[in-house]
C-alpha atoms as a PDB file:
ATOM      1  CA  MET A   1     137.276 120.878  42.198  1.00  0.00           C
ATOM      2  CA  GLU A   2     137.847 122.651  45.954  1.00  0.00           C
ATOM      3  CA  ILE A   3     134.517 123.980  45.893  1.00  0.00           C
ATOM      4  CA  GLU A   4     132.843 120.511  45.120  1.00  0.00           C
ATOM      5  CA  TYR A   5     135.209 118.868  48.051  1.00  0.00           C
ATOM      6  CA  PHE A   6     133.956 121.634  50.492  1.00  0.00           C
ATOM      7  CA  TYR A   7     130.147 121.183  49.683  1.00  0.00           C
ATOM      8  CA  ILE A   8     130.420 117.371  50.018  1.00  0.00           C
ATOM      9  CA  HIS A   9     132.376 117.901  53.190  1.00  0.00           C
ATOM     10  CA  LEU A  10     129.539 120.076  54.503  1.00  0.00           C
ATOM     11  CA  ALA A  11     127.126 117.591  53.639  1.00  0.00           C
ATOM     12  CA  VAL A  12     128.876 114.827  55.552  1.00  0.00           C
ATOM     13  CA  THR A  13     129.142 117.259  58.628  1.00  0.00           C
ATOM     14  CA  LEU A  14     125.486 117.968  58.385  1.00  0.00           C
ATOM     15  CA  LEU A  15     124.761 114.146  58.199  1.00  0.00           C
ATOM     16  CA  TYR A  16     126.857 113.484  60.920  1.00  0.00           C
ATOM     17  CA  PHE A  17     125.036 115.938  63.135  1.00  0.00           C
ATOM     18  CA  LEU A  18     121.590 114.628  62.468  1.00  0.00           C
ATOM     19  CA  LEU A  19     122.762 111.175  63.256  1.00  0.00           C
ATOM     20  CA  VAL A  20     124.510 112.119  66.510  1.00  0.00           C
ATOM     21  CA  ARG A  21     121.616 114.260  67.477  1.00  0.00           C
ATOM     22  CA  ARG A  22     119.566 111.234  67.615  1.00  0.00           C
ATOM     23  CA  LYS A  23     121.816 109.922  70.551  1.00  0.00           C
ATOM     24  CA  GLU A  24     123.090 112.829  72.169  1.00  0.00           C
ATOM     25  CA  ASN A  25     121.736 116.274  73.096  1.00  0.00           C
ATOM     26  CA  ALA A  26     122.156 119.341  70.797  1.00  0.00           C
ATOM     27  CA  TRP A  27     125.341 120.685  72.440  1.00  0.00           C
ATOM     28  CA  GLN A  28     127.220 117.497  72.307  1.00  0.00           C
ATOM     29  CA  ALA A  29     126.265 116.820  68.548  1.00  0.00           C
ATOM     30  CA  GLY A  30     127.094 120.520  67.419  1.00  0.00           C
ATOM     31  CA  ALA A  31     130.570 120.102  69.031  1.00  0.00           C
ATOM     32  CA  GLU A  32     131.320 116.967  67.472  1.00  0.00           C
ATOM     33  CA  ALA A  33     130.186 118.292  64.038  1.00  0.00           C
ATOM     34  CA  ILE A  34     132.490 121.389  64.536  1.00  0.00           C
ATOM     35  CA  LEU A  35     135.496 118.931  64.974  1.00  0.00           C
ATOM     36  CA  VAL A  36     134.188 116.991  61.965  1.00  0.00           C
ATOM     37  CA  LEU A  37     134.065 120.266  59.962  1.00  0.00           C
ATOM     38  CA  CYS A  38     137.537 121.641  61.286  1.00  0.00           C
ATOM     39  CA  LEU A  39     139.309 118.259  60.783  1.00  0.00           C
ATOM     40  CA  PRO A  40     138.349 116.611  57.456  1.00  0.00           C
ATOM     41  CA  VAL A  41     138.495 112.894  57.293  1.00  0.00           C
ATOM     42  CA  ILE A  42     140.575 112.415  60.350  1.00  0.00           C
ATOM     43  CA  GLY A  43     137.833 114.043  62.629  1.00  0.00           C
ATOM     44  CA  PHE A  44     135.107 112.134  61.187  1.00  0.00           C
ATOM     45  CA  PHE A  45     136.764 108.745  61.351  1.00  0.00           C
ATOM     46  CA  SER A  46     138.062 109.471  64.902  1.00  0.00           C
ATOM     47  CA  LEU A  47     134.751 110.259  66.340  1.00  0.00           C
ATOM     48  CA  LEU A  48     132.884 107.635  64.455  1.00  0.00           C
ATOM     49  CA  THR A  49     135.333 105.000  65.984  1.00  0.00           C
ATOM     50  CA  TRP A  50     134.791 106.264  69.645  1.00  0.00           C
ATOM     51  CA  HIS A  51     131.183 106.060  69.089  1.00  0.00           C
ATOM     52  CA  MET A  52     131.558 102.405  67.857  1.00  0.00           C
ATOM     53  CA  VAL A  53     133.757 101.768  70.816  1.00  0.00           C
ATOM     54  CA  SER A  54     131.508 103.393  73.306  1.00  0.00           C
ATOM     55  CA  ASP A  55     128.472 101.301  72.083  1.00  0.00           C
ATOM     56  CA  LEU A  56     130.545  98.241  72.150  1.00  0.00           C
ATOM     57  CA  LYS A  57     131.879  98.786  75.677  1.00  0.00           C
ATOM     58  CA  GLY A  58     128.715 100.510  77.194  1.00  0.00           C
ATOM     59  CA  TYR A  59     130.544 103.532  77.813  1.00  0.00           C
ATOM     60  CA  ARG A  60     127.468 105.551  76.952  1.00  0.00           C
ATOM     61  CA  LYS A  61     125.336 103.837  79.641  1.00  0.00           C
ATOM     62  CA  VAL A  62     127.373 105.440  82.240  1.00  0.00           C
ATOM     63  CA  ARG A  63     125.425 108.721  82.575  1.00  0.00           C
ATOM     64  CA  GLU A  64     122.026 107.045  82.348  1.00  0.00           C
ATOM     65  CA  GLU A  65     123.123 104.420  85.138  1.00  0.00           C
ATOM     66  CA  ASN A  66     123.552 107.237  87.467  1.00  0.00           C
ATOM     67  CA  LEU A  67     119.627 108.128  86.910  1.00  0.00           C
ATOM     68  CA  VAL A  68     117.869 104.607  86.646  1.00  0.00           C
ATOM     69  CA  LYS A  69     118.692 100.950  86.921  1.00  0.00           C
ATOM     70  CA  ILE A  70     119.099  99.010  83.537  1.00  0.00           C
ATOM     71  CA  ASN A  71     116.852  95.956  82.965  1.00  0.00           C
ATOM     72  CA  PRO A  72     118.499  92.845  81.920  1.00  0.00           C
ATOM     73  CA  PRO A  73     118.408  91.707  78.199  1.00  0.00           C
ATOM     74  CA  SER A  74     115.101  90.103  78.862  1.00  0.00           C
ATOM     75  CA  ALA A  75     113.500  93.476  79.492  1.00  0.00           C
ATOM     76  CA  ARG A  76     114.468  94.325  75.972  1.00  0.00           C
ATOM     77  CA  GLY A  77     116.643  97.496  77.108  1.00  0.00           C
ATOM     78  CA  ARG A  78     113.758  99.442  78.997  1.00  0.00           C
ATOM     79  CA  MET A  79     114.835 101.508  82.106  1.00  0.00           C
ATOM     80  CA  THR A  80     113.346 100.878  85.393  1.00  0.00           C
ATOM     81  CA  TYR A  81     112.476 104.377  87.135  1.00  0.00           C
ATOM     82  CA  GLN A  82     113.391 104.576  90.793  1.00  0.00           C
ATOM     83  CA  SER A  83     111.800 107.454  92.476  1.00  0.00           C
ATOM     84  CA  ASP A  84     114.469 107.385  95.430  1.00  0.00           C
ATOM     85  CA  ILE A  85     116.887 108.333  92.633  1.00  0.00           C
ATOM     86  CA  MET A  86     115.379 110.904  90.582  1.00  0.00           C
ATOM     87  CA  SER A  87     111.674 112.884  91.270  1.00  0.00           C
ATOM     88  CA  LEU A  88     109.824 114.197  88.731  1.00  0.00           C
ATOM     89  CA  PRO A  89     110.623 117.710  89.740  1.00  0.00           C
ATOM     90  CA  ASP A  90     114.233 117.091  89.228  1.00  0.00           C
ATOM     91  CA  MET A  91     113.693 115.397  85.802  1.00  0.00           C
ATOM     92  CA  GLN A  92     112.071 118.523  84.507  1.00  0.00           C
ATOM     93  CA  LEU A  93     115.355 120.360  85.191  1.00  0.00           C
ATOM     94  CA  MET A  94     117.284 118.135  82.941  1.00  0.00           C
ATOM     95  CA  GLY A  95     118.846 119.724  79.833  1.00  0.00           C
ATOM     96  CA  ASP A  96     118.989 116.309  77.789  1.00  0.00           C
ATOM     97  CA  GLU A  97     115.482 116.213  76.385  1.00  0.00           C
ATOM     98  CA  HIS A  98     115.798 112.866  74.778  1.00  0.00           C
ATOM     99  CA  LEU A  99     116.842 111.254  78.161  1.00  0.00           C
ATOM    100  CA  LYS A 100     114.149 113.575  79.904  1.00  0.00           C
ATOM    101  CA  ARG A 101     111.453 112.173  77.659  1.00  0.00           C
ATOM    102  CA  ARG A 102     112.326 108.513  77.952  1.00  0.00           C
ATOM    103  CA  LEU A 103     112.529 108.848  81.775  1.00  0.00           C
ATOM    104  CA  PHE A 104     108.981 110.448  81.664  1.00  0.00           C
ATOM    105  CA  ARG A 105     107.694 107.599  79.634  1.00  0.00           C
ATOM    106  CA  THR A 106     109.100 105.109  82.027  1.00  0.00           C
ATOM    107  CA  ILE A 107     107.756 106.860  85.093  1.00  0.00           C
ATOM    108  CA  ILE A 108     104.303 107.131  83.311  1.00  0.00           C
ATOM    109  CA  THR A 109     104.501 103.436  82.842  1.00  0.00           C
ATOM    110  CA  GLN A 110     105.213 102.428  86.199  1.00  0.00           C
ATOM    111  CA  GLU A 111     103.502 105.023  88.330  1.00  0.00           C
ATOM    112  CA  VAL A 112     100.696 106.430  86.830  1.00  0.00           C
ATOM    113  CA  VAL A 113      98.222 103.616  88.232  1.00  0.00           C
ATOM    114  CA  ASP A 114      99.286 104.551  91.843  1.00  0.00           C
ATOM    115  CA  ASN A 115     100.173 108.052  91.401  1.00  0.00           C
ATOM    116  CA  PRO A 116      98.029 109.948  88.855  1.00  0.00           C
ATOM    117  CA  GLU A 117      99.469 113.069  90.204  1.00  0.00           C
ATOM    118  CA  ILE A 118     102.400 112.637  88.086  1.00  0.00           C
ATOM    119  CA  LEU A 119     100.315 112.950  84.911  1.00  0.00           C
ATOM    120  CA  ARG A 120      98.721 116.344  86.303  1.00  0.00           C
ATOM    121  CA  GLU A 121     102.360 117.592  87.036  1.00  0.00           C
ATOM    122  CA  ALA A 122     103.459 116.641  83.472  1.00  0.00           C
ATOM    123  CA  VAL A 123     100.518 118.688  81.851  1.00  0.00           C
ATOM    124  CA  HIS A 124     102.174 121.949  82.786  1.00  0.00           C
ATOM    125  CA  ASP A 125     105.821 120.816  81.722  1.00  0.00           C
ATOM    126  CA  GLU A 126     107.872 123.189  79.302  1.00  0.00           C
ATOM    127  CA  ASP A 127     108.495 120.368  77.162  1.00  0.00           C
ATOM    128  CA  ARG A 128     105.473 120.594  74.685  1.00  0.00           C
ATOM    129  CA  GLU A 129     106.013 116.762  73.609  1.00  0.00           C
ATOM    130  CA  ILE A 130     105.720 115.509  77.420  1.00  0.00           C
ATOM    131  CA  SER A 131     102.696 118.157  78.057  1.00  0.00           C
ATOM    132  CA  TYR A 132     100.891 116.670  74.857  1.00  0.00           C
ATOM    133  CA  TYR A 133     101.716 113.296  75.722  1.00  0.00           C
ATOM    134  CA  ALA A 134     100.521 113.588  79.527  1.00  0.00           C
ATOM    135  CA  VAL A 135      97.365 115.424  78.308  1.00  0.00           C
ATOM    136  CA  SER A 136      96.639 112.359  75.751  1.00  0.00           C
ATOM    137  CA  LEU A 137      97.214 109.733  78.551  1.00  0.00           C
ATOM    138  CA  ILE A 138      94.789 111.725  80.720  1.00  0.00           C
ATOM    139  CA  THR A 139      92.378 111.746  78.146  1.00  0.00           C
ATOM    140  CA  ALA A 140      92.692 108.070  77.297  1.00  0.00           C
ATOM    141  CA  ARG A 141      92.467 106.962  80.894  1.00  0.00           C
ATOM    142  CA  ALA A 142      89.459 109.125  81.493  1.00  0.00           C
ATOM    143  CA  GLU A 143      87.651 107.303  78.717  1.00  0.00           C
ATOM    144  CA  ASN A 144      88.814 103.873  79.698  1.00  0.00           C
ATOM    145  CA  ILE A 145      87.557 104.263  83.390  1.00  0.00           C
ATOM    146  CA  THR A 146      84.485 106.010  82.409  1.00  0.00           C
ATOM    147  CA  SER A 147      83.819 103.180  79.879  1.00  0.00           C
ATOM    148  CA  ALA A 148      84.439 100.599  82.672  1.00  0.00           C
ATOM    149  CA  ILE A 149      82.081 102.281  85.149  1.00  0.00           C
ATOM    150  CA  PHE A 150      79.190 102.241  82.521  1.00  0.00           C
ATOM    151  CA  GLU A 151      79.910  98.526  81.723  1.00  0.00           C
ATOM    152  CA  LEU A 152      79.941  97.722  85.514  1.00  0.00           C
ATOM    153  CA  GLU A 153      76.574  99.613  85.833  1.00  0.00           C
ATOM    154  CA  LYS A 154      74.927  97.570  83.051  1.00  0.00           C
ATOM    155  CA  LYS A 155      76.256  94.400  84.318  1.00  0.00           C
ATOM    156  CA  LEU A 156      74.802  95.440  87.883  1.00  0.00           C
ATOM    157  CA  ARG A 157      71.437  96.220  86.705  1.00  0.00           C
ATOM    158  CA  GLN A 158      71.218  92.734  85.102  1.00  0.00           C
ATOM    159  CA  GLU A 159      72.791  90.513  87.816  1.00  0.00           C
ATOM    160  CA  ARG A 160      70.520  88.590  90.043  1.00  0.00           C
ATOM    161  CA  ASP A 161      72.954  86.356  91.804  1.00  0.00           C
ATOM    162  CA  SER A 162      73.984  88.019  95.348  1.00  0.00           C
ATOM    163  CA  GLU A 163      77.615  86.734  95.601  1.00  0.00           C
ATOM    164  CA  LYS A 164      78.443  87.824  92.133  1.00  0.00           C
ATOM    165  CA  GLU A 165      76.667  91.070  92.548  1.00  0.00           C
ATOM    166  CA  ALA A 166      78.951  91.962  95.749  1.00  0.00           C
ATOM    167  CA  GLU A 167      81.942  90.881  93.639  1.00  0.00           C
ATOM    168  CA  LEU A 168      80.860  93.392  90.671  1.00  0.00           C
ATOM    169  CA  LEU A 169      79.963  96.096  93.400  1.00  0.00           C
ATOM    170  CA  GLU A 170      83.546  95.773  94.810  1.00  0.00           C
ATOM    171  CA  THR A 171      85.086  96.071  91.185  1.00  0.00           C
ATOM    172  CA  TYR A 172      82.443  99.094  90.712  1.00  0.00           C
ATOM    173  CA  ALA A 173      83.770 100.982  93.858  1.00  0.00           C
ATOM    174  CA  GLY A 174      87.484 100.557  92.735  1.00  0.00           C
ATOM    175  CA  LYS A 175      86.669 102.071  89.602  1.00  0.00           C
ATOM    176  CA  LEU A 176      85.020 105.046  91.197  1.00  0.00           C
ATOM    177  CA  GLN A 177      87.646 105.686  93.423  1.00  0.00           C
ATOM    178  CA  GLU A 178      90.046 105.532  90.575  1.00  0.00           C
ATOM    179  CA  PHE A 179      87.908 108.089  88.695  1.00  0.00           C
ATOM    180  CA  ILE A 180      87.695 110.328  91.878  1.00  0.00           C
ATOM    181  CA  ARG A 181      91.446 110.256  92.937  1.00  0.00           C
ATOM    182  CA  GLY A 182      92.694 110.464  89.448  1.00  0.00           C
ATOM    183  CA  GLY A 183      90.895 113.909  89.131  1.00  0.00           C
ATOM    184  CA  TYR A 184      88.947 112.929  85.898  1.00  0.00           C
ATOM    185  CA  GLY A 185      86.138 114.879  84.583  1.00  0.00           C
ATOM    186  CA  ASP A 186      85.159 118.195  85.977  1.00  0.00           C
ATOM    187  CA  GLU A 187      84.052 118.876  89.733  1.00  0.00           C
ATOM    188  CA  ASN A 188      80.493 118.309  89.240  1.00  0.00           C
ATOM    189  CA  GLN A 189      81.093 114.670  87.770  1.00  0.00           C
ATOM    190  CA  ARG A 190      83.590 113.840  90.470  1.00  0.00           C
ATOM    191  CA  GLU A 191      81.052 115.085  92.908  1.00  0.00           C
ATOM    192  CA  GLU A 192      78.339 112.777  91.431  1.00  0.00           C
ATOM    193  CA  ARG A 193      80.757 109.990  91.536  1.00  0.00           C
ATOM    194  CA  LYS A 194      81.408 110.436  95.191  1.00  0.00           C
ATOM    195  CA  LYS A 195      77.605 110.262  95.801  1.00  0.00           C
ATOM    196  CA  ASP A 196      77.465 107.026  93.524  1.00  0.00           C
ATOM    197  CA  LEU A 197      80.615 105.405  95.599  1.00  0.00           C
ATOM    198  CA  LEU A 198      78.862 106.353  99.000  1.00  0.00           C
ATOM    199  CA  LYS A 199      75.676 104.436  97.828  1.00  0.00           C
ATOM    200  CA  VAL A 200      77.807 101.523  96.597  1.00  0.00           C
ATOM    201  CA  LEU A 201      79.974 101.267  99.987  1.00  0.00           C
ATOM    202  CA  GLU A 202      76.635 101.109 101.881  1.00  0.00           C
ATOM    203  CA  LYS A 203      75.356  98.428  99.755  1.00  0.00           C
ATOM    204  CA  LEU A 204      78.657  96.635 100.377  1.00  0.00           C
ATOM    205  CA  ALA A 205      78.521  97.064 104.059  1.00  0.00           C
ATOM    206  CA  ASP A 206      75.196  95.480 104.056  1.00  0.00           C
ATOM    207  CA  LYS A 207      76.046  92.738 101.869  1.00  0.00           C
ATOM    208  CA  LEU A 208      79.486  91.842 103.419  1.00  0.00           C
ATOM    209  CA  PRO A 209      79.342  92.807 107.250  1.00  0.00           C
ATOM    210  CA  GLU A 210      82.337  90.761 108.035  1.00  0.00           C
ATOM    211  CA  LYS A 211      84.091  93.578 106.065  1.00  0.00           C
ATOM    212  CA  PRO A 212      83.827  96.744 108.435  1.00  0.00           C
ATOM    213  CA  VAL A 213      86.032  98.666 106.374  1.00  0.00           C
ATOM    214  CA  TYR A 214      82.915  99.443 103.764  1.00  0.00           C
ATOM    215  CA  ARG A 215      81.108 100.956 106.645  1.00  0.00           C
ATOM    216  CA  GLU A 216      84.066 103.162 108.019  1.00  0.00           C
ATOM    217  CA  GLU A 217      84.662 104.300 104.493  1.00  0.00           C
ATOM    218  CA  SER A 218      80.897 105.186 103.726  1.00  0.00           C
ATOM    219  CA  ILE A 219      80.981 107.337 106.994  1.00  0.00           C
ATOM    220  CA  ARG A 220      84.281 108.965 106.044  1.00  0.00           C
ATOM    221  CA  LEU A 221      82.824 109.875 102.502  1.00  0.00           C
ATOM    222  CA  ALA A 222      79.649 110.853 103.941  1.00  0.00           C
ATOM    223  CA  ILE A 223      81.601 113.482 106.319  1.00  0.00           C
ATOM    224  CA  SER A 224      83.749 114.890 103.387  1.00  0.00           C
ATOM    225  CA  LEU A 225      80.500 115.215 101.539  1.00  0.00           C
ATOM    226  CA  GLN A 226      79.321 117.454 104.587  1.00  0.00           C
ATOM    227  CA  ASP A 227      76.166 115.333 104.862  1.00  0.00           C
ATOM    228  CA  PHE A 228      76.723 115.099 108.432  1.00  0.00           C
ATOM    229  CA  ASP A 229      73.084 113.682 109.066  1.00  0.00           C
ATOM    230  CA  HIS A 230      73.712 110.957 106.942  1.00  0.00           C
ATOM    231  CA  ALA A 231      77.039 110.151 108.450  1.00  0.00           C
ATOM    232  CA  GLU A 232      75.299 110.175 112.054  1.00  0.00           C
ATOM    233  CA  ALA A 233      72.604 107.949 110.669  1.00  0.00           C
ATOM    234  CA  LEU A 234      75.271 105.603 109.151  1.00  0.00           C
ATOM    235  CA  LEU A 235      76.934 105.564 112.693  1.00  0.00           C
ATOM    236  CA  THR A 236      73.858 104.682 114.250  1.00  0.00           C
ATOM    237  CA  LEU A 237      73.268 101.958 111.851  1.00  0.00           C
ATOM    238  CA  ALA A 238      76.473 100.440 112.547  1.00  0.00           C
ATOM    239  CA  GLY A 239      75.131  99.117 115.852  1.00  0.00           C
ATOM    240  CA  GLU A 240      75.826  99.248 119.366  1.00  0.00           C
ATOM    241  CA  LYS A 241      78.737  96.853 118.924  1.00  0.00           C
ATOM    242  CA  GLY A 242      80.251  98.871 115.980  1.00  0.00           C
ATOM    243  CA  ARG A 243      79.739 102.301 117.757  1.00  0.00           C
ATOM    244  CA  SER A 244      81.616 100.806 120.938  1.00  0.00           C
ATOM    245  CA  SER A 245      84.647  99.923 118.748  1.00  0.00           C
ATOM    246  CA  GLU A 246      87.683 102.364 118.666  1.00  0.00           C
ATOM    247  CA  THR A 247      87.330 102.915 114.839  1.00  0.00           C
ATOM    248  CA  PHE A 248      83.643 104.097 115.065  1.00  0.00           C
ATOM    249  CA  LEU A 249      84.481 106.120 118.253  1.00  0.00           C
ATOM    250  CA  ARG A 250      87.204 107.815 116.181  1.00  0.00           C
ATOM    251  CA  LEU A 251      84.818 108.395 113.568  1.00  0.00           C
ATOM    252  CA  SER A 252      82.284 109.866 115.788  1.00  0.00           C
ATOM    253  CA  LEU A 253      85.127 112.187 116.723  1.00  0.00           C
ATOM    254  CA  GLU A 254      85.704 113.113 113.037  1.00  0.00           C
ATOM    255  CA  LEU A 255      82.154 113.901 112.477  1.00  0.00           C
ATOM    256  CA  ALA A 256      82.076 116.324 115.685  1.00  0.00           C
ATOM    257  CA  ILE A 257      85.110 118.060 114.286  1.00  0.00           C
ATOM    258  CA  ALA A 258      83.882 118.349 110.932  1.00  0.00           C
ATOM    259  CA  ARG A 259      80.500 119.621 112.391  1.00  0.00           C
ATOM    260  CA  ARG A 260      82.606 122.105 114.688  1.00  0.00           C
ATOM    261  CA  ASP A 261      80.906 121.002 117.602  1.00  0.00           C
ATOM    262  CA  ARG A 262      82.853 121.483 120.334  1.00  0.00           C
ATOM    263  CA  GLU A 263      80.796 119.368 123.031  1.00  0.00           C
ATOM    264  CA  GLY A 264      80.395 116.516 120.716  1.00  0.00           C
ATOM    265  CA  THR A 265      84.180 116.535 120.136  1.00  0.00           C
ATOM    266  CA  LEU A 266      85.077 116.564 123.879  1.00  0.00           C
ATOM    267  CA  SER A 267      82.338 113.813 124.554  1.00  0.00           C
ATOM    268  CA  ALA A 268      83.921 111.822 121.810  1.00  0.00           C
ATOM    269  CA  ILE A 269      87.535 112.313 123.271  1.00  0.00           C
ATOM    270  CA  ARG A 270      86.395 111.245 126.797  1.00  0.00           C
ATOM    271  CA  ARG A 271      84.680 108.112 125.192  1.00  0.00           C
ATOM    272  CA  LEU A 272      88.098 107.278 123.232  1.00  0.00           C
ATOM    273  CA  LYS A 273      89.892 107.950 126.593  1.00  0.00           C
ATOM    274  CA  ALA A 274      87.881 105.259 128.512  1.00  0.00           C
ATOM    275  CA  PHE A 275      87.919 102.903 125.905  1.00  0.00           C
ATOM    276  CA  PRO A 276      89.183  99.685 127.585  1.00  0.00           C
ATOM    277  CA  GLY A 277      91.606  98.148 124.836  1.00  0.00           C
ATOM    278  CA  ARG A 278      94.822  99.386 123.598  1.00  0.00           C
ATOM    279  CA  LEU A 279      94.350 102.559 121.572  1.00  0.00           C
ATOM    280  CA  SER A 280      96.054 102.864 118.078  1.00  0.00           C
ATOM    281  CA  PRO A 281      98.521 105.677 117.094  1.00  0.00           C
ATOM    282  CA  GLU A 282      95.759 107.625 115.247  1.00  0.00           C
ATOM    283  CA  SER A 283      93.532 107.553 118.428  1.00  0.00           C
ATOM    284  CA  LEU A 284      96.220 108.700 120.660  1.00  0.00           C
ATOM    285  CA  THR A 285      97.397 111.626 118.222  1.00  0.00           C
ATOM    286  CA  ALA A 286      93.434 112.788 117.860  1.00  0.00           C
ATOM    287  CA  ILE A 287      93.493 112.770 121.701  1.00  0.00           C
ATOM    288  CA  ARG A 288      96.641 114.953 122.173  1.00  0.00           C
ATOM    289  CA  TYR A 289      95.698 117.249 119.405  1.00  0.00           C
ATOM    290  CA  TRP A 290      91.879 117.577 120.227  1.00  0.00           C
ATOM    291  CA  GLY A 291      91.818 116.572 124.089  1.00  0.00           C
ATOM    292  CA  GLY A 292      91.906 119.985 125.405  1.00  0.00           C
ATOM    293  CA  ALA A 293      89.742 120.035 128.679  1.00  0.00           C
ATOM    294  CA  ALA A 294      88.177 116.376 127.880  1.00  0.00           C
END
């Protein structure tokens, strides 16, 4: 009879451990299981009562509230990640795997669109579940973005309305930038997408001259692609009015620096210094750093 009771008590202890393990870490669940094993009946009901009171009073949430902000009931209990409270590297040092995974999923949901670096860091996490989840998300997002790019390319080939084409080009440019910044595909694919983006930005600059940002970005992209002659041609294409603005003067400086053209750099610095208007902090910083004998 005593042996049967022992086996029943052992089974109850194991069941208790498995139930607690779903909410707590292994150390906590193991310590409570030892108490249940050493204190038959009393230990089990005491700890069970403590868990019920903790859930009712919300004591269990105290630890999580130090890391995250709990959403109101309308949010169905989802946690809101706050990067000023916990960074991804700090989260990776946590010992509680269940809370760590929960926080990671919250981070992914909120920040991956603006900060794809989080996914790339998570790929190398020691927790296989987090690493696998990150790889799966990267693959899924790459497929979704690639599919959206192909769909936009198809629509652009068929579109004849100039205004609608401009809207599609803006959306297309955004998707190309998302693909490049997200680090999706291999290096050759990203390089090809940069060239596609350059063509799109040039078209947008022609179609929407009231938005000089497209001309500026096309010049910066040509410089980053080390297509310096093309960047110079784009600067010339901007016209005398554009070339005399502070932004295009600074772009001339960026191009000269990229070319390692000392004379061109000093010339661009002198033109910036002679600019009649008030210079931006970026231009002032460039003058102080690259000014030299200009």
